[in-house]
Amino acid sequence: MSILTWLKEFFVTTAMQESKEKITDKAENVIVDIKSTVTEGIEEVKDIAEETTTEIKQRARDKLGRFLADNPNTDSNEAYKDK
């Protein structure tokens, strides 16, 4: 192997290694940014969900499993169970 071939391989290999390291660093930074953005988005969605969540009412049933109707003459709503 001639000295010129060796120098060429040395510098090409060194340049390629530096490029790989730069690319790896940039990729890691992008991954960290994406993770933080996704985490912030998840937290925002959780906050919105907590604000808009309402209590889910469950329909009242009789002994045979049929839905009970509401009696309009009373103040309470008999068609739904109290939790």
N, C-alpha and C. Protein backbone atom coordinates (compact mmCIF):
# COMPACT_ATOMS: atom_id res chain seq x y z
N MET A 1 0.86 -1.17 0.00
CA MET A 1 0.00 0.00 0.00
C MET A 1 0.90 1.23 0.00
N SER A 2 0.60 2.10 -0.87
CA SER A 2 1.42 3.30 -0.95
C SER A 2 1.00 4.30 0.12
N ILE A 3 1.87 5.21 0.39
CA ILE A 3 1.61 6.23 1.42
C ILE A 3 0.42 7.09 1.03
N LEU A 4 0.26 7.37 -0.24
CA LEU A 4 -0.88 8.19 -0.69
C LEU A 4 -2.20 7.47 -0.47
N THR A 5 -2.25 6.19 -0.75
CA THR A 5 -3.46 5.42 -0.52
C THR A 5 -3.79 5.38 0.97
N TRP A 6 -2.77 5.20 1.77
CA TRP A 6 -2.97 5.17 3.22
C TRP A 6 -3.49 6.51 3.73
N LEU A 7 -2.91 7.61 3.28
CA LEU A 7 -3.36 8.95 3.68
C LEU A 7 -4.81 9.19 3.24
N LYS A 8 -5.11 8.77 2.01
CA LYS A 8 -6.48 8.93 1.50
C LYS A 8 -7.46 8.18 2.38
N GLU A 9 -7.19 6.94 2.68
CA GLU A 9 -8.08 6.13 3.52
C GLU A 9 -8.18 6.72 4.93
N PHE A 10 -7.06 7.21 5.45
CA PHE A 10 -7.05 7.79 6.80
C PHE A 10 -7.97 9.00 6.87
N PHE A 11 -7.81 9.93 5.92
CA PHE A 11 -8.60 11.15 5.96
C PHE A 11 -10.06 10.90 5.61
N VAL A 12 -10.32 10.00 4.68
CA VAL A 12 -11.71 9.68 4.33
C VAL A 12 -12.38 9.01 5.52
N THR A 13 -11.69 8.08 6.16
CA THR A 13 -12.25 7.39 7.31
C THR A 13 -12.48 8.36 8.46
N THR A 14 -11.54 9.25 8.70
CA THR A 14 -11.68 10.25 9.77
C THR A 14 -12.85 11.19 9.47
N ALA A 15 -12.95 11.64 8.24
CA ALA A 15 -14.04 12.53 7.86
C ALA A 15 -15.38 11.83 7.97
N MET A 16 -15.42 10.56 7.57
CA MET A 16 -16.67 9.81 7.67
C MET A 16 -17.06 9.62 9.13
N GLN A 17 -16.09 9.34 9.98
CA GLN A 17 -16.36 9.14 11.41
C GLN A 17 -16.90 10.43 12.02
N GLU A 18 -16.29 11.57 11.69
CA GLU A 18 -16.77 12.86 12.20
C GLU A 18 -18.18 13.15 11.70
N SER A 19 -18.46 12.83 10.44
CA SER A 19 -19.80 13.03 9.89
C SER A 19 -20.81 12.16 10.61
N LYS A 20 -20.44 10.92 10.86
CA LYS A 20 -21.35 10.02 11.57
C LYS A 20 -21.64 10.55 12.97
N GLU A 21 -20.62 11.05 13.64
CA GLU A 21 -20.81 11.59 14.99
C GLU A 21 -21.72 12.81 14.97
N LYS A 22 -21.51 13.70 13.99
CA LYS A 22 -22.36 14.89 13.88
C LYS A 22 -23.81 14.49 13.60
N ILE A 23 -23.98 13.55 12.69
CA ILE A 23 -25.34 13.09 12.35
C ILE A 23 -25.99 12.44 13.57
N THR A 24 -25.23 11.64 14.30
CA THR A 24 -25.76 10.99 15.49
C THR A 24 -26.16 12.02 16.54
N ASP A 25 -25.32 13.04 16.75
CA ASP A 25 -25.64 14.09 17.71
C ASP A 25 -26.91 14.84 17.31
N LYS A 26 -27.02 15.18 16.03
CA LYS A 26 -28.21 15.89 15.56
C LYS A 26 -29.45 15.02 15.73
N ALA A 27 -29.33 13.74 15.40
CA ALA A 27 -30.47 12.83 15.53
C ALA A 27 -30.90 12.70 16.99
N GLU A 28 -29.93 12.61 17.89
CA GLU A 28 -30.28 12.52 19.31
C GLU A 28 -30.97 13.79 19.79
N ASN A 29 -30.50 14.94 19.33
CA ASN A 29 -31.14 16.21 19.70
C ASN A 29 -32.57 16.29 19.17
N VAL A 30 -32.76 15.83 17.95
CA VAL A 30 -34.11 15.83 17.37
C VAL A 30 -35.03 14.90 18.16
N ILE A 31 -34.52 13.74 18.55
CA ILE A 31 -35.32 12.79 19.32
C ILE A 31 -35.72 13.40 20.66
N VAL A 32 -34.79 14.08 21.32
CA VAL A 32 -35.10 14.73 22.60
C VAL A 32 -36.16 15.80 22.40
N ASP A 33 -36.05 16.59 21.34
CA ASP A 33 -37.05 17.62 21.05
C ASP A 33 -38.42 17.01 20.78
N ILE A 34 -38.45 15.94 20.03
CA ILE A 34 -39.72 15.29 19.72
C ILE A 34 -40.35 14.73 20.99
N LYS A 35 -39.54 14.09 21.82
CA LYS A 35 -40.08 13.53 23.07
C LYS A 35 -40.65 14.62 23.96
N SER A 36 -39.96 15.76 24.06
CA SER A 36 -40.48 16.84 24.91
C SER A 36 -41.76 17.43 24.33
N THR A 37 -41.81 17.56 23.00
CA THR A 37 -43.03 18.08 22.37
C THR A 37 -44.20 17.14 22.59
N VAL A 38 -43.97 15.85 22.43
CA VAL A 38 -45.04 14.87 22.63
C VAL A 38 -45.48 14.87 24.10
N THR A 39 -44.54 14.95 25.01
CA THR A 39 -44.87 14.97 26.43
C THR A 39 -45.71 16.19 26.77
N GLU A 40 -45.33 17.35 26.24
CA GLU A 40 -46.11 18.57 26.47
C GLU A 40 -47.52 18.42 25.90
N GLY A 41 -47.63 17.82 24.71
CA GLY A 41 -48.94 17.61 24.10
C GLY A 41 -49.80 16.68 24.92
N ILE A 42 -49.20 15.63 25.46
CA ILE A 42 -49.94 14.69 26.29
C ILE A 42 -50.44 15.38 27.55
N GLU A 43 -49.59 16.21 28.16
CA GLU A 43 -50.00 16.93 29.37
C GLU A 43 -51.15 17.89 29.06
N GLU A 44 -51.09 18.55 27.92
CA GLU A 44 -52.18 19.46 27.54
C GLU A 44 -53.49 18.68 27.35
N VAL A 45 -53.41 17.54 26.70
CA VAL A 45 -54.61 16.72 26.48
C VAL A 45 -55.17 16.24 27.80
N LYS A 46 -54.30 15.84 28.73
CA LYS A 46 -54.77 15.40 30.05
C LYS A 46 -55.47 16.54 30.78
N ASP A 47 -54.90 17.74 30.70
CA ASP A 47 -55.52 18.90 31.35
C ASP A 47 -56.89 19.19 30.76
N ILE A 48 -56.98 19.15 29.45
CA ILE A 48 -58.26 19.40 28.79
C ILE A 48 -59.27 18.32 29.16
N ALA A 49 -58.82 17.07 29.21
CA ALA A 49 -59.71 15.96 29.54
C ALA A 49 -60.23 16.10 30.97
N GLU A 50 -59.36 16.51 31.89
CA GLU A 50 -59.80 16.67 33.27
C GLU A 50 -60.82 17.79 33.40
N GLU A 51 -60.64 18.86 32.62
CA GLU A 51 -61.57 19.98 32.68
C GLU A 51 -62.93 19.64 32.09
N THR A 52 -62.93 18.81 31.04
CA THR A 52 -64.19 18.56 30.34
C THR A 52 -64.88 17.27 30.76
N THR A 53 -64.23 16.47 31.59
CA THR A 53 -64.83 15.21 32.00
C THR A 53 -66.01 15.48 32.91
N THR A 54 -67.10 14.87 32.59
CA THR A 54 -68.29 14.95 33.43
C THR A 54 -68.57 13.57 33.98
N GLU A 55 -69.31 13.55 35.03
CA GLU A 55 -69.64 12.26 35.62
C GLU A 55 -70.62 11.52 34.72
N ILE A 56 -70.32 10.28 34.44
CA ILE A 56 -71.19 9.47 33.59
C ILE A 56 -72.29 8.88 34.45
N LYS A 57 -73.50 9.13 34.04
CA LYS A 57 -74.64 8.61 34.80
C LYS A 57 -74.97 7.20 34.31
N GLN A 58 -75.43 6.39 35.25
CA GLN A 58 -75.82 5.03 34.90
C GLN A 58 -77.32 4.89 35.05
N ARG A 59 -77.94 4.29 34.05
CA ARG A 59 -79.39 4.14 34.09
C ARG A 59 -79.81 3.18 35.19
N ALA A 60 -80.90 3.53 35.86
CA ALA A 60 -81.45 2.67 36.90
C ALA A 60 -82.28 1.56 36.25
N ARG A 61 -82.25 0.40 36.88
CA ARG A 61 -83.00 -0.76 36.35
C ARG A 61 -83.82 -1.39 37.47
N ASP A 62 -84.87 -2.07 37.07
CA ASP A 62 -85.66 -2.80 38.06
C ASP A 62 -85.07 -4.20 38.25
N LYS A 63 -85.75 -5.06 39.02
CA LYS A 63 -85.23 -6.39 39.31
C LYS A 63 -85.09 -7.26 38.07
N LEU A 64 -85.87 -6.99 37.05
CA LEU A 64 -85.82 -7.77 35.81
C LEU A 64 -84.84 -7.20 34.79
N GLY A 65 -84.18 -6.11 35.13
CA GLY A 65 -83.19 -5.53 34.24
C GLY A 65 -83.74 -4.49 33.29
N ARG A 66 -85.00 -4.13 33.43
CA ARG A 66 -85.59 -3.13 32.56
C ARG A 66 -85.27 -1.73 33.08
N PHE A 67 -85.14 -0.78 32.15
CA PHE A 67 -84.88 0.60 32.55
C PHE A 67 -86.07 1.18 33.30
N LEU A 68 -85.76 1.95 34.32
CA LEU A 68 -86.81 2.66 35.05
C LEU A 68 -87.04 4.02 34.40
N ALA A 69 -88.28 4.44 34.41
CA ALA A 69 -88.62 5.75 33.85
C ALA A 69 -88.57 6.80 34.93
N ASP A 70 -88.41 8.04 34.51
CA ASP A 70 -88.42 9.16 35.44
C ASP A 70 -89.86 9.57 35.71
N ASN A 71 -90.14 9.84 36.97
CA ASN A 71 -91.44 10.34 37.35
C ASN A 71 -91.38 11.86 37.28
N PRO A 72 -92.09 12.47 36.34
CA PRO A 72 -92.00 13.93 36.18
C PRO A 72 -92.61 14.70 37.35
N ASN A 73 -93.38 14.03 38.22
CA ASN A 73 -94.01 14.71 39.35
C ASN A 73 -93.06 14.87 40.55
N THR A 74 -91.86 14.30 40.47
CA THR A 74 -90.90 14.42 41.57
C THR A 74 -89.71 15.27 41.14
N ASP A 75 -88.99 15.78 42.15
CA ASP A 75 -87.82 16.60 41.85
C ASP A 75 -86.62 15.76 41.42
N SER A 76 -86.49 14.56 41.96
CA SER A 76 -85.32 13.73 41.62
C SER A 76 -85.57 12.99 40.31
N ASN A 77 -84.48 12.55 39.70
CA ASN A 77 -84.57 11.83 38.44
C ASN A 77 -84.37 10.34 38.75
N GLU A 78 -85.46 9.60 38.75
CA GLU A 78 -85.42 8.18 39.11
C GLU A 78 -84.82 7.31 38.00
N ALA A 79 -84.67 7.85 36.79
CA ALA A 79 -84.19 7.07 35.66
C ALA A 79 -82.69 6.80 35.77
N TYR A 80 -82.01 7.54 36.63
CA TYR A 80 -80.56 7.36 36.79
C TYR A 80 -80.21 7.09 38.23
N LYS A 81 -79.17 6.26 38.42
CA LYS A 81 -78.71 5.92 39.76
C LYS A 81 -77.88 7.05 40.32
N ASP A 82 -77.93 7.19 41.64
CA ASP A 82 -77.02 8.10 42.31
C ASP A 82 -75.77 7.31 42.68
N LYS A 83 -74.62 7.90 42.42
CA LYS A 83 -73.37 7.17 42.71
C LYS A 83 -72.87 7.48 44.08
